Amino acid sequence: EKDKAFVDDFSTSTNDGNIVLTSYS
């Protein structure tokens, strides 16, 4: 709960978008 201020509103859709790791060190 203490981090609630950092969580903006977001979509609850389950199949939209992707996120990919492109570089790692």
PDBML (XML) file of the C-alpha atoms, coordinates in Angstrom:
<?xml version="1.0" encoding="UTF-8" ?>
<PDBx:datablock datablockName="MODEL"
   xmlns:PDBx="http://pdbml.pdb.org/schema/pdbx-v50.xsd"
   xmlns:xsi="http://www.w3.org/2001/XMLSchema-instance"
   xsi:schemaLocation="http://pdbml.pdb.org/schema/pdbx-v50.xsd pdbx-v50.xsd">
   <PDBx:atom_siteCategory>
      <PDBx:atom_site id="1">
         <PDBx:B_iso_or_equiv>0.00</PDBx:B_iso_or_equiv>
         <PDBx:Cartn_x>0.000</PDBx:Cartn_x>
         <PDBx:Cartn_y>0.000</PDBx:Cartn_y>
         <PDBx:Cartn_z>0.000</PDBx:Cartn_z>
         <PDBx:auth_asym_id>A</PDBx:auth_asym_id>
         <PDBx:auth_atom_id>CA</PDBx:auth_atom_id>
         <PDBx:auth_comp_id>GLU</PDBx:auth_comp_id>
         <PDBx:auth_seq_id>1</PDBx:auth_seq_id>
         <PDBx:group_PDB>ATOM</PDBx:group_PDB>
         <PDBx:label_alt_id xsi:nil="true" />
         <PDBx:label_asym_id>A</PDBx:label_asym_id>
         <PDBx:label_atom_id>CA</PDBx:label_atom_id>
         <PDBx:label_comp_id>GLU</PDBx:label_comp_id>
         <PDBx:label_entity_id>1</PDBx:label_entity_id>
         <PDBx:label_seq_id>1</PDBx:label_seq_id>
         <PDBx:occupancy>1.00</PDBx:occupancy>
         <PDBx:pdbx_PDB_model_num>1</PDBx:pdbx_PDB_model_num>
         <PDBx:type_symbol>C</PDBx:type_symbol>
      </PDBx:atom_site>
      <PDBx:atom_site id="2">
         <PDBx:B_iso_or_equiv>0.00</PDBx:B_iso_or_equiv>
         <PDBx:Cartn_x>2.891</PDBx:Cartn_x>
         <PDBx:Cartn_y>2.379</PDBx:Cartn_y>
         <PDBx:Cartn_z>0.724</PDBx:Cartn_z>
         <PDBx:auth_asym_id>A</PDBx:auth_asym_id>
         <PDBx:auth_atom_id>CA</PDBx:auth_atom_id>
         <PDBx:auth_comp_id>LYS</PDBx:auth_comp_id>
         <PDBx:auth_seq_id>2</PDBx:auth_seq_id>
         <PDBx:group_PDB>ATOM</PDBx:group_PDB>
         <PDBx:label_alt_id xsi:nil="true" />
         <PDBx:label_asym_id>A</PDBx:label_asym_id>
         <PDBx:label_atom_id>CA</PDBx:label_atom_id>
         <PDBx:label_comp_id>LYS</PDBx:label_comp_id>
         <PDBx:label_entity_id>1</PDBx:label_entity_id>
         <PDBx:label_seq_id>2</PDBx:label_seq_id>
         <PDBx:occupancy>1.00</PDBx:occupancy>
         <PDBx:pdbx_PDB_model_num>1</PDBx:pdbx_PDB_model_num>
         <PDBx:type_symbol>C</PDBx:type_symbol>
      </PDBx:atom_site>
      <PDBx:atom_site id="3">
         <PDBx:B_iso_or_equiv>0.00</PDBx:B_iso_or_equiv>
         <PDBx:Cartn_x>3.767</PDBx:Cartn_x>
         <PDBx:Cartn_y>2.330</PDBx:Cartn_y>
         <PDBx:Cartn_z>-3.001</PDBx:Cartn_z>
         <PDBx:auth_asym_id>A</PDBx:auth_asym_id>
         <PDBx:auth_atom_id>CA</PDBx:auth_atom_id>
         <PDBx:auth_comp_id>ASP</PDBx:auth_comp_id>
         <PDBx:auth_seq_id>3</PDBx:auth_seq_id>
         <PDBx:group_PDB>ATOM</PDBx:group_PDB>
         <PDBx:label_alt_id xsi:nil="true" />
         <PDBx:label_asym_id>A</PDBx:label_asym_id>
         <PDBx:label_atom_id>CA</PDBx:label_atom_id>
         <PDBx:label_comp_id>ASP</PDBx:label_comp_id>
         <PDBx:label_entity_id>1</PDBx:label_entity_id>
         <PDBx:label_seq_id>3</PDBx:label_seq_id>
         <PDBx:occupancy>1.00</PDBx:occupancy>
         <PDBx:pdbx_PDB_model_num>1</PDBx:pdbx_PDB_model_num>
         <PDBx:type_symbol>C</PDBx:type_symbol>
      </PDBx:atom_site>
      <PDBx:atom_site id="4">
         <PDBx:B_iso_or_equiv>0.00</PDBx:B_iso_or_equiv>
         <PDBx:Cartn_x>0.259</PDBx:Cartn_x>
         <PDBx:Cartn_y>3.105</PDBx:Cartn_y>
         <PDBx:Cartn_z>-4.216</PDBx:Cartn_z>
         <PDBx:auth_asym_id>A</PDBx:auth_asym_id>
         <PDBx:auth_atom_id>CA</PDBx:auth_atom_id>
         <PDBx:auth_comp_id>LYS</PDBx:auth_comp_id>
         <PDBx:auth_seq_id>4</PDBx:auth_seq_id>
         <PDBx:group_PDB>ATOM</PDBx:group_PDB>
         <PDBx:label_alt_id xsi:nil="true" />
         <PDBx:label_asym_id>A</PDBx:label_asym_id>
         <PDBx:label_atom_id>CA</PDBx:label_atom_id>
         <PDBx:label_comp_id>LYS</PDBx:label_comp_id>
         <PDBx:label_entity_id>1</PDBx:label_entity_id>
         <PDBx:label_seq_id>4</PDBx:label_seq_id>
         <PDBx:occupancy>1.00</PDBx:occupancy>
         <PDBx:pdbx_PDB_model_num>1</PDBx:pdbx_PDB_model_num>
         <PDBx:type_symbol>C</PDBx:type_symbol>
      </PDBx:atom_site>
      <PDBx:atom_site id="5">
         <PDBx:B_iso_or_equiv>0.00</PDBx:B_iso_or_equiv>
         <PDBx:Cartn_x>1.214</PDBx:Cartn_x>
         <PDBx:Cartn_y>6.659</PDBx:Cartn_y>
         <PDBx:Cartn_z>-5.173</PDBx:Cartn_z>
         <PDBx:auth_asym_id>A</PDBx:auth_asym_id>
         <PDBx:auth_atom_id>CA</PDBx:auth_atom_id>
         <PDBx:auth_comp_id>ALA</PDBx:auth_comp_id>
         <PDBx:auth_seq_id>5</PDBx:auth_seq_id>
         <PDBx:group_PDB>ATOM</PDBx:group_PDB>
         <PDBx:label_alt_id xsi:nil="true" />
         <PDBx:label_asym_id>A</PDBx:label_asym_id>
         <PDBx:label_atom_id>CA</PDBx:label_atom_id>
         <PDBx:label_comp_id>ALA</PDBx:label_comp_id>
         <PDBx:label_entity_id>1</PDBx:label_entity_id>
         <PDBx:label_seq_id>5</PDBx:label_seq_id>
         <PDBx:occupancy>1.00</PDBx:occupancy>
         <PDBx:pdbx_PDB_model_num>1</PDBx:pdbx_PDB_model_num>
         <PDBx:type_symbol>C</PDBx:type_symbol>
      </PDBx:atom_site>
      <PDBx:atom_site id="6">
         <PDBx:B_iso_or_equiv>0.00</PDBx:B_iso_or_equiv>
         <PDBx:Cartn_x>3.744</PDBx:Cartn_x>
         <PDBx:Cartn_y>5.300</PDBx:Cartn_y>
         <PDBx:Cartn_z>-7.689</PDBx:Cartn_z>
         <PDBx:auth_asym_id>A</PDBx:auth_asym_id>
         <PDBx:auth_atom_id>CA</PDBx:auth_atom_id>
         <PDBx:auth_comp_id>PHE</PDBx:auth_comp_id>
         <PDBx:auth_seq_id>6</PDBx:auth_seq_id>
         <PDBx:group_PDB>ATOM</PDBx:group_PDB>
         <PDBx:label_alt_id xsi:nil="true" />
         <PDBx:label_asym_id>A</PDBx:label_asym_id>
         <PDBx:label_atom_id>CA</PDBx:label_atom_id>
         <PDBx:label_comp_id>PHE</PDBx:label_comp_id>
         <PDBx:label_entity_id>1</PDBx:label_entity_id>
         <PDBx:label_seq_id>6</PDBx:label_seq_id>
         <PDBx:occupancy>1.00</PDBx:occupancy>
         <PDBx:pdbx_PDB_model_num>1</PDBx:pdbx_PDB_model_num>
         <PDBx:type_symbol>C</PDBx:type_symbol>
      </PDBx:atom_site>
      <PDBx:atom_site id="7">
         <PDBx:B_iso_or_equiv>0.00</PDBx:B_iso_or_equiv>
         <PDBx:Cartn_x>1.214</PDBx:Cartn_x>
         <PDBx:Cartn_y>3.092</PDBx:Cartn_y>
         <PDBx:Cartn_z>-9.490</PDBx:Cartn_z>
         <PDBx:auth_asym_id>A</PDBx:auth_asym_id>
         <PDBx:auth_atom_id>CA</PDBx:auth_atom_id>
         <PDBx:auth_comp_id>VAL</PDBx:auth_comp_id>
         <PDBx:auth_seq_id>7</PDBx:auth_seq_id>
         <PDBx:group_PDB>ATOM</PDBx:group_PDB>
         <PDBx:label_alt_id xsi:nil="true" />
         <PDBx:label_asym_id>A</PDBx:label_asym_id>
         <PDBx:label_atom_id>CA</PDBx:label_atom_id>
         <PDBx:label_comp_id>VAL</PDBx:label_comp_id>
         <PDBx:label_entity_id>1</PDBx:label_entity_id>
         <PDBx:label_seq_id>7</PDBx:label_seq_id>
         <PDBx:occupancy>1.00</PDBx:occupancy>
         <PDBx:pdbx_PDB_model_num>1</PDBx:pdbx_PDB_model_num>
         <PDBx:type_symbol>C</PDBx:type_symbol>
      </PDBx:atom_site>
      <PDBx:atom_site id="8">
         <PDBx:B_iso_or_equiv>0.00</PDBx:B_iso_or_equiv>
         <PDBx:Cartn_x>-0.603</PDBx:Cartn_x>
         <PDBx:Cartn_y>5.035</PDBx:Cartn_y>
         <PDBx:Cartn_z>-12.189</PDBx:Cartn_z>
         <PDBx:auth_asym_id>A</PDBx:auth_asym_id>
         <PDBx:auth_atom_id>CA</PDBx:auth_atom_id>
         <PDBx:auth_comp_id>ASP</PDBx:auth_comp_id>
         <PDBx:auth_seq_id>8</PDBx:auth_seq_id>
         <PDBx:group_PDB>ATOM</PDBx:group_PDB>
         <PDBx:label_alt_id xsi:nil="true" />
         <PDBx:label_asym_id>A</PDBx:label_asym_id>
         <PDBx:label_atom_id>CA</PDBx:label_atom_id>
         <PDBx:label_comp_id>ASP</PDBx:label_comp_id>
         <PDBx:label_entity_id>1</PDBx:label_entity_id>
         <PDBx:label_seq_id>8</PDBx:label_seq_id>
         <PDBx:occupancy>1.00</PDBx:occupancy>
         <PDBx:pdbx_PDB_model_num>1</PDBx:pdbx_PDB_model_num>
         <PDBx:type_symbol>C</PDBx:type_symbol>
      </PDBx:atom_site>
      <PDBx:atom_site id="9">
         <PDBx:B_iso_or_equiv>0.00</PDBx:B_iso_or_equiv>
         <PDBx:Cartn_x>-3.896</PDBx:Cartn_x>
         <PDBx:Cartn_y>3.897</PDBx:Cartn_y>
         <PDBx:Cartn_z>-13.689</PDBx:Cartn_z>
         <PDBx:auth_asym_id>A</PDBx:auth_asym_id>
         <PDBx:auth_atom_id>CA</PDBx:auth_atom_id>
         <PDBx:auth_comp_id>ASP</PDBx:auth_comp_id>
         <PDBx:auth_seq_id>9</PDBx:auth_seq_id>
         <PDBx:group_PDB>ATOM</PDBx:group_PDB>
         <PDBx:label_alt_id xsi:nil="true" />
         <PDBx:label_asym_id>A</PDBx:label_asym_id>
         <PDBx:label_atom_id>CA</PDBx:label_atom_id>
         <PDBx:label_comp_id>ASP</PDBx:label_comp_id>
         <PDBx:label_entity_id>1</PDBx:label_entity_id>
         <PDBx:label_seq_id>9</PDBx:label_seq_id>
         <PDBx:occupancy>1.00</PDBx:occupancy>
         <PDBx:pdbx_PDB_model_num>1</PDBx:pdbx_PDB_model_num>
         <PDBx:type_symbol>C</PDBx:type_symbol>
      </PDBx:atom_site>
      <PDBx:atom_site id="10">
         <PDBx:B_iso_or_equiv>0.00</PDBx:B_iso_or_equiv>
         <PDBx:Cartn_x>-3.403</PDBx:Cartn_x>
         <PDBx:Cartn_y>1.064</PDBx:Cartn_y>
         <PDBx:Cartn_z>-16.190</PDBx:Cartn_z>
         <PDBx:auth_asym_id>A</PDBx:auth_asym_id>
         <PDBx:auth_atom_id>CA</PDBx:auth_atom_id>
         <PDBx:auth_comp_id>PHE</PDBx:auth_comp_id>
         <PDBx:auth_seq_id>10</PDBx:auth_seq_id>
         <PDBx:group_PDB>ATOM</PDBx:group_PDB>
         <PDBx:label_alt_id xsi:nil="true" />
         <PDBx:label_asym_id>A</PDBx:label_asym_id>
         <PDBx:label_atom_id>CA</PDBx:label_atom_id>
         <PDBx:label_comp_id>PHE</PDBx:label_comp_id>
         <PDBx:label_entity_id>1</PDBx:label_entity_id>
         <PDBx:label_seq_id>10</PDBx:label_seq_id>
         <PDBx:occupancy>1.00</PDBx:occupancy>
         <PDBx:pdbx_PDB_model_num>1</PDBx:pdbx_PDB_model_num>
         <PDBx:type_symbol>C</PDBx:type_symbol>
      </PDBx:atom_site>
      <PDBx:atom_site id="11">
         <PDBx:B_iso_or_equiv>0.00</PDBx:B_iso_or_equiv>
         <PDBx:Cartn_x>-5.402</PDBx:Cartn_x>
         <PDBx:Cartn_y>-1.099</PDBx:Cartn_y>
         <PDBx:Cartn_z>-18.571</PDBx:Cartn_z>
         <PDBx:auth_asym_id>A</PDBx:auth_asym_id>
         <PDBx:auth_atom_id>CA</PDBx:auth_atom_id>
         <PDBx:auth_comp_id>SER</PDBx:auth_comp_id>
         <PDBx:auth_seq_id>11</PDBx:auth_seq_id>
         <PDBx:group_PDB>ATOM</PDBx:group_PDB>
         <PDBx:label_alt_id xsi:nil="true" />
         <PDBx:label_asym_id>A</PDBx:label_asym_id>
         <PDBx:label_atom_id>CA</PDBx:label_atom_id>
         <PDBx:label_comp_id>SER</PDBx:label_comp_id>
         <PDBx:label_entity_id>1</PDBx:label_entity_id>
         <PDBx:label_seq_id>11</PDBx:label_seq_id>
         <PDBx:occupancy>1.00</PDBx:occupancy>
         <PDBx:pdbx_PDB_model_num>1</PDBx:pdbx_PDB_model_num>
         <PDBx:type_symbol>C</PDBx:type_symbol>
      </PDBx:atom_site>
      <PDBx:atom_site id="12">
         <PDBx:B_iso_or_equiv>0.00</PDBx:B_iso_or_equiv>
         <PDBx:Cartn_x>-6.657</PDBx:Cartn_x>
         <PDBx:Cartn_y>-4.448</PDBx:Cartn_y>
         <PDBx:Cartn_z>-17.303</PDBx:Cartn_z>
         <PDBx:auth_asym_id>A</PDBx:auth_asym_id>
         <PDBx:auth_atom_id>CA</PDBx:auth_atom_id>
         <PDBx:auth_comp_id>THR</PDBx:auth_comp_id>
         <PDBx:auth_seq_id>12</PDBx:auth_seq_id>
         <PDBx:group_PDB>ATOM</PDBx:group_PDB>
         <PDBx:label_alt_id xsi:nil="true" />
         <PDBx:label_asym_id>A</PDBx:label_asym_id>
         <PDBx:label_atom_id>CA</PDBx:label_atom_id>
         <PDBx:label_comp_id>THR</PDBx:label_comp_id>
         <PDBx:label_entity_id>1</PDBx:label_entity_id>
         <PDBx:label_seq_id>12</PDBx:label_seq_id>
         <PDBx:occupancy>1.00</PDBx:occupancy>
         <PDBx:pdbx_PDB_model_num>1</PDBx:pdbx_PDB_model_num>
         <PDBx:type_symbol>C</PDBx:type_symbol>
      </PDBx:atom_site>
      <PDBx:atom_site id="13">
         <PDBx:B_iso_or_equiv>0.00</PDBx:B_iso_or_equiv>
         <PDBx:Cartn_x>-6.705</PDBx:Cartn_x>
         <PDBx:Cartn_y>-5.959</PDBx:Cartn_y>
         <PDBx:Cartn_z>-20.782</PDBx:Cartn_z>
         <PDBx:auth_asym_id>A</PDBx:auth_asym_id>
         <PDBx:auth_atom_id>CA</PDBx:auth_atom_id>
         <PDBx:auth_comp_id>SER</PDBx:auth_comp_id>
         <PDBx:auth_seq_id>13</PDBx:auth_seq_id>
         <PDBx:group_PDB>ATOM</PDBx:group_PDB>
         <PDBx:label_alt_id xsi:nil="true" />
         <PDBx:label_asym_id>A</PDBx:label_asym_id>
         <PDBx:label_atom_id>CA</PDBx:label_atom_id>
         <PDBx:label_comp_id>SER</PDBx:label_comp_id>
         <PDBx:label_entity_id>1</PDBx:label_entity_id>
         <PDBx:label_seq_id>13</PDBx:label_seq_id>
         <PDBx:occupancy>1.00</PDBx:occupancy>
         <PDBx:pdbx_PDB_model_num>1</PDBx:pdbx_PDB_model_num>
         <PDBx:type_symbol>C</PDBx:type_symbol>
      </PDBx:atom_site>
      <PDBx:atom_site id="14">
         <PDBx:B_iso_or_equiv>0.00</PDBx:B_iso_or_equiv>
         <PDBx:Cartn_x>-4.989</PDBx:Cartn_x>
         <PDBx:Cartn_y>-9.354</PDBx:Cartn_y>
         <PDBx:Cartn_z>-20.760</PDBx:Cartn_z>
         <PDBx:auth_asym_id>A</PDBx:auth_asym_id>
         <PDBx:auth_atom_id>CA</PDBx:auth_atom_id>
         <PDBx:auth_comp_id>THR</PDBx:auth_comp_id>
         <PDBx:auth_seq_id>14</PDBx:auth_seq_id>
         <PDBx:group_PDB>ATOM</PDBx:group_PDB>
         <PDBx:label_alt_id xsi:nil="true" />
         <PDBx:label_asym_id>A</PDBx:label_asym_id>
         <PDBx:label_atom_id>CA</PDBx:label_atom_id>
         <PDBx:label_comp_id>THR</PDBx:label_comp_id>
         <PDBx:label_entity_id>1</PDBx:label_entity_id>
         <PDBx:label_seq_id>14</PDBx:label_seq_id>
         <PDBx:occupancy>1.00</PDBx:occupancy>
         <PDBx:pdbx_PDB_model_num>1</PDBx:pdbx_PDB_model_num>
         <PDBx:type_symbol>C</PDBx:type_symbol>
      </PDBx:atom_site>
      <PDBx:atom_site id="15">
         <PDBx:B_iso_or_equiv>0.00</PDBx:B_iso_or_equiv>
         <PDBx:Cartn_x>-3.683</PDBx:Cartn_x>
         <PDBx:Cartn_y>-9.548</PDBx:Cartn_y>
         <PDBx:Cartn_z>-24.318</PDBx:Cartn_z>
         <PDBx:auth_asym_id>A</PDBx:auth_asym_id>
         <PDBx:auth_atom_id>CA</PDBx:auth_atom_id>
         <PDBx:auth_comp_id>ASN</PDBx:auth_comp_id>
         <PDBx:auth_seq_id>15</PDBx:auth_seq_id>
         <PDBx:group_PDB>ATOM</PDBx:group_PDB>
         <PDBx:label_alt_id xsi:nil="true" />
         <PDBx:label_asym_id>A</PDBx:label_asym_id>
         <PDBx:label_atom_id>CA</PDBx:label_atom_id>
         <PDBx:label_comp_id>ASN</PDBx:label_comp_id>
         <PDBx:label_entity_id>1</PDBx:label_entity_id>
         <PDBx:label_seq_id>15</PDBx:label_seq_id>
         <PDBx:occupancy>1.00</PDBx:occupancy>
         <PDBx:pdbx_PDB_model_num>1</PDBx:pdbx_PDB_model_num>
         <PDBx:type_symbol>C</PDBx:type_symbol>
      </PDBx:atom_site>
      <PDBx:atom_site id="16">
         <PDBx:B_iso_or_equiv>0.00</PDBx:B_iso_or_equiv>
         <PDBx:Cartn_x>-2.526</PDBx:Cartn_x>
         <PDBx:Cartn_y>-6.111</PDBx:Cartn_y>
         <PDBx:Cartn_z>-25.399</PDBx:Cartn_z>
         <PDBx:auth_asym_id>A</PDBx:auth_asym_id>
         <PDBx:auth_atom_id>CA</PDBx:auth_atom_id>
         <PDBx:auth_comp_id>ASP</PDBx:auth_comp_id>
         <PDBx:auth_seq_id>16</PDBx:auth_seq_id>
         <PDBx:group_PDB>ATOM</PDBx:group_PDB>
         <PDBx:label_alt_id xsi:nil="true" />
         <PDBx:label_asym_id>A</PDBx:label_asym_id>
         <PDBx:label_atom_id>CA</PDBx:label_atom_id>
         <PDBx:label_comp_id>ASP</PDBx:label_comp_id>
         <PDBx:label_entity_id>1</PDBx:label_entity_id>
         <PDBx:label_seq_id>16</PDBx:label_seq_id>
         <PDBx:occupancy>1.00</PDBx:occupancy>
         <PDBx:pdbx_PDB_model_num>1</PDBx:pdbx_PDB_model_num>
         <PDBx:type_symbol>C</PDBx:type_symbol>
      </PDBx:atom_site>
      <PDBx:atom_site id="17">
         <PDBx:B_iso_or_equiv>0.00</PDBx:B_iso_or_equiv>
         <PDBx:Cartn_x>1.106</PDBx:Cartn_x>
         <PDBx:Cartn_y>-5.267</PDBx:Cartn_y>
         <PDBx:Cartn_z>-26.006</PDBx:Cartn_z>
         <PDBx:auth_asym_id>A</PDBx:auth_asym_id>
         <PDBx:auth_atom_id>CA</PDBx:auth_atom_id>
         <PDBx:auth_comp_id>GLY</PDBx:auth_comp_id>
         <PDBx:auth_seq_id>17</PDBx:auth_seq_id>
         <PDBx:group_PDB>ATOM</PDBx:group_PDB>
         <PDBx:label_alt_id xsi:nil="true" />
         <PDBx:label_asym_id>A</PDBx:label_asym_id>
         <PDBx:label_atom_id>CA</PDBx:label_atom_id>
         <PDBx:label_comp_id>GLY</PDBx:label_comp_id>
         <PDBx:label_entity_id>1</PDBx:label_entity_id>
         <PDBx:label_seq_id>17</PDBx:label_seq_id>
         <PDBx:occupancy>1.00</PDBx:occupancy>
         <PDBx:pdbx_PDB_model_num>1</PDBx:pdbx_PDB_model_num>
         <PDBx:type_symbol>C</PDBx:type_symbol>
      </PDBx:atom_site>
      <PDBx:atom_site id="18">
         <PDBx:B_iso_or_equiv>0.00</PDBx:B_iso_or_equiv>
         <PDBx:Cartn_x>4.477</PDBx:Cartn_x>
         <PDBx:Cartn_y>-6.820</PDBx:Cartn_y>
         <PDBx:Cartn_z>-25.363</PDBx:Cartn_z>
         <PDBx:auth_asym_id>A</PDBx:auth_asym_id>
         <PDBx:auth_atom_id>CA</PDBx:auth_atom_id>
         <PDBx:auth_comp_id>ASN</PDBx:auth_comp_id>
         <PDBx:auth_seq_id>18</PDBx:auth_seq_id>
         <PDBx:group_PDB>ATOM</PDBx:group_PDB>
         <PDBx:label_alt_id xsi:nil="true" />
         <PDBx:label_asym_id>A</PDBx:label_asym_id>
         <PDBx:label_atom_id>CA</PDBx:label_atom_id>
         <PDBx:label_comp_id>ASN</PDBx:label_comp_id>
         <PDBx:label_entity_id>1</PDBx:label_entity_id>
         <PDBx:label_seq_id>18</PDBx:label_seq_id>
         <PDBx:occupancy>1.00</PDBx:occupancy>
         <PDBx:pdbx_PDB_model_num>1</PDBx:pdbx_PDB_model_num>
         <PDBx:type_symbol>C</PDBx:type_symbol>
      </PDBx:atom_site>
      <PDBx:atom_site id="19">
         <PDBx:B_iso_or_equiv>0.00</PDBx:B_iso_or_equiv>
         <PDBx:Cartn_x>7.683</PDBx:Cartn_x>
         <PDBx:Cartn_y>-6.034</PDBx:Cartn_y>
         <PDBx:Cartn_z>-23.555</PDBx:Cartn_z>
         <PDBx:auth_asym_id>A</PDBx:auth_asym_id>
         <PDBx:auth_atom_id>CA</PDBx:auth_atom_id>
         <PDBx:auth_comp_id>ILE</PDBx:auth_comp_id>
         <PDBx:auth_seq_id>19</PDBx:auth_seq_id>
         <PDBx:group_PDB>ATOM</PDBx:group_PDB>
         <PDBx:label_alt_id xsi:nil="true" />
         <PDBx:label_asym_id>A</PDBx:label_asym_id>
         <PDBx:label_atom_id>CA</PDBx:label_atom_id>
         <PDBx:label_comp_id>ILE</PDBx:label_comp_id>
         <PDBx:label_entity_id>1</PDBx:label_entity_id>
         <PDBx:label_seq_id>19</PDBx:label_seq_id>
         <PDBx:occupancy>1.00</PDBx:occupancy>
         <PDBx:pdbx_PDB_model_num>1</PDBx:pdbx_PDB_model_num>
         <PDBx:type_symbol>C</PDBx:type_symbol>
      </PDBx:atom_site>
      <PDBx:atom_site id="20">
         <PDBx:B_iso_or_equiv>0.00</PDBx:B_iso_or_equiv>
         <PDBx:Cartn_x>11.068</PDBx:Cartn_x>
         <PDBx:Cartn_y>-7.363</PDBx:Cartn_y>
         <PDBx:Cartn_z>-24.685</PDBx:Cartn_z>
         <PDBx:auth_asym_id>A</PDBx:auth_asym_id>
         <PDBx:auth_atom_id>CA</PDBx:auth_atom_id>
         <PDBx:auth_comp_id>VAL</PDBx:auth_comp_id>
         <PDBx:auth_seq_id>20</PDBx:auth_seq_id>
         <PDBx:group_PDB>ATOM</PDBx:group_PDB>
         <PDBx:label_alt_id xsi:nil="true" />
         <PDBx:label_asym_id>A</PDBx:label_asym_id>
         <PDBx:label_atom_id>CA</PDBx:label_atom_id>
         <PDBx:label_comp_id>VAL</PDBx:label_comp_id>
         <PDBx:label_entity_id>1</PDBx:label_entity_id>
         <PDBx:label_seq_id>20</PDBx:label_seq_id>
         <PDBx:occupancy>1.00</PDBx:occupancy>
         <PDBx:pdbx_PDB_model_num>1</PDBx:pdbx_PDB_model_num>
         <PDBx:type_symbol>C</PDBx:type_symbol>
      </PDBx:atom_site>
      <PDBx:atom_site id="21">
         <PDBx:B_iso_or_equiv>0.00</PDBx:B_iso_or_equiv>
         <PDBx:Cartn_x>14.529</PDBx:Cartn_x>
         <PDBx:Cartn_y>-7.318</PDBx:Cartn_y>
         <PDBx:Cartn_z>-23.114</PDBx:Cartn_z>
         <PDBx:auth_asym_id>A</PDBx:auth_asym_id>
         <PDBx:auth_atom_id>CA</PDBx:auth_atom_id>
         <PDBx:auth_comp_id>LEU</PDBx:auth_comp_id>
         <PDBx:auth_seq_id>21</PDBx:auth_seq_id>
         <PDBx:group_PDB>ATOM</PDBx:group_PDB>
         <PDBx:label_alt_id xsi:nil="true" />
         <PDBx:label_asym_id>A</PDBx:label_asym_id>
         <PDBx:label_atom_id>CA</PDBx:label_atom_id>
         <PDBx:label_comp_id>LEU</PDBx:label_comp_id>
         <PDBx:label_entity_id>1</PDBx:label_entity_id>
         <PDBx:label_seq_id>21</PDBx:label_seq_id>
         <PDBx:occupancy>1.00</PDBx:occupancy>
         <PDBx:pdbx_PDB_model_num>1</PDBx:pdbx_PDB_model_num>
         <PDBx:type_symbol>C</PDBx:type_symbol>
      </PDBx:atom_site>
      <PDBx:atom_site id="22">
         <PDBx:B_iso_or_equiv>0.00</PDBx:B_iso_or_equiv>
         <PDBx:Cartn_x>16.962</PDBx:Cartn_x>
         <PDBx:Cartn_y>-6.059</PDBx:Cartn_y>
         <PDBx:Cartn_z>-25.774</PDBx:Cartn_z>
         <PDBx:auth_asym_id>A</PDBx:auth_asym_id>
         <PDBx:auth_atom_id>CA</PDBx:auth_atom_id>
         <PDBx:auth_comp_id>THR</PDBx:auth_comp_id>
         <PDBx:auth_seq_id>22</PDBx:auth_seq_id>
         <PDBx:group_PDB>ATOM</PDBx:group_PDB>
         <PDBx:label_alt_id xsi:nil="true" />
         <PDBx:label_asym_id>A</PDBx:label_asym_id>
         <PDBx:label_atom_id>CA</PDBx:label_atom_id>
         <PDBx:label_comp_id>THR</PDBx:label_comp_id>
         <PDBx:label_entity_id>1</PDBx:label_entity_id>
         <PDBx:label_seq_id>22</PDBx:label_seq_id>
         <PDBx:occupancy>1.00</PDBx:occupancy>
         <PDBx:pdbx_PDB_model_num>1</PDBx:pdbx_PDB_model_num>
         <PDBx:type_symbol>C</PDBx:type_symbol>
      </PDBx:atom_site>
      <PDBx:atom_site id="23">
         <PDBx:B_iso_or_equiv>0.00</PDBx:B_iso_or_equiv>
         <PDBx:Cartn_x>20.179</PDBx:Cartn_x>
         <PDBx:Cartn_y>-5.454</PDBx:Cartn_y>
         <PDBx:Cartn_z>-23.830</PDBx:Cartn_z>
         <PDBx:auth_asym_id>A</PDBx:auth_asym_id>
         <PDBx:auth_atom_id>CA</PDBx:auth_atom_id>
         <PDBx:auth_comp_id>SER</PDBx:auth_comp_id>
         <PDBx:auth_seq_id>23</PDBx:auth_seq_id>
         <PDBx:group_PDB>ATOM</PDBx:group_PDB>
         <PDBx:label_alt_id xsi:nil="true" />
         <PDBx:label_asym_id>A</PDBx:label_asym_id>
         <PDBx:label_atom_id>CA</PDBx:label_atom_id>
         <PDBx:label_comp_id>SER</PDBx:label_comp_id>
         <PDBx:label_entity_id>1</PDBx:label_entity_id>
         <PDBx:label_seq_id>23</PDBx:label_seq_id>
         <PDBx:occupancy>1.00</PDBx:occupancy>
         <PDBx:pdbx_PDB_model_num>1</PDBx:pdbx_PDB_model_num>
         <PDBx:type_symbol>C</PDBx:type_symbol>
      </PDBx:atom_site>
      <PDBx:atom_site id="24">
         <PDBx:B_iso_or_equiv>0.00</PDBx:B_iso_or_equiv>
         <PDBx:Cartn_x>21.544</PDBx:Cartn_x>
         <PDBx:Cartn_y>-6.879</PDBx:Cartn_y>
         <PDBx:Cartn_z>-20.587</PDBx:Cartn_z>
         <PDBx:auth_asym_id>A</PDBx:auth_asym_id>
         <PDBx:auth_atom_id>CA</PDBx:auth_atom_id>
         <PDBx:auth_comp_id>TYR</PDBx:auth_comp_id>
         <PDBx:auth_seq_id>24</PDBx:auth_seq_id>
         <PDBx:group_PDB>ATOM</PDBx:group_PDB>
         <PDBx:label_alt_id xsi:nil="true" />
         <PDBx:label_asym_id>A</PDBx:label_asym_id>
         <PDBx:label_atom_id>CA</PDBx:label_atom_id>
         <PDBx:label_comp_id>TYR</PDBx:label_comp_id>
         <PDBx:label_entity_id>1</PDBx:label_entity_id>
         <PDBx:label_seq_id>24</PDBx:label_seq_id>
         <PDBx:occupancy>1.00</PDBx:occupancy>
         <PDBx:pdbx_PDB_model_num>1</PDBx:pdbx_PDB_model_num>
         <PDBx:type_symbol>C</PDBx:type_symbol>
      </PDBx:atom_site>
      <PDBx:atom_site id="25">
         <PDBx:B_iso_or_equiv>0.00</PDBx:B_iso_or_equiv>
         <PDBx:Cartn_x>24.547</PDBx:Cartn_x>
         <PDBx:Cartn_y>-6.098</PDBx:Cartn_y>
         <PDBx:Cartn_z>-18.396</PDBx:Cartn_z>
         <PDBx:auth_asym_id>A</PDBx:auth_asym_id>
         <PDBx:auth_atom_id>CA</PDBx:auth_atom_id>
         <PDBx:auth_comp_id>SER</PDBx:auth_comp_id>
         <PDBx:auth_seq_id>25</PDBx:auth_seq_id>
         <PDBx:group_PDB>ATOM</PDBx:group_PDB>
         <PDBx:label_alt_id xsi:nil="true" />
         <PDBx:label_asym_id>A</PDBx:label_asym_id>
         <PDBx:label_atom_id>CA</PDBx:label_atom_id>
         <PDBx:label_comp_id>SER</PDBx:label_comp_id>
         <PDBx:label_entity_id>1</PDBx:label_entity_id>
         <PDBx:label_seq_id>25</PDBx:label_seq_id>
         <PDBx:occupancy>1.00</PDBx:occupancy>
         <PDBx:pdbx_PDB_model_num>1</PDBx:pdbx_PDB_model_num>
         <PDBx:type_symbol>C</PDBx:type_symbol>
      </PDBx:atom_site>
   </PDBx:atom_siteCategory>
</PDBx:datablock>
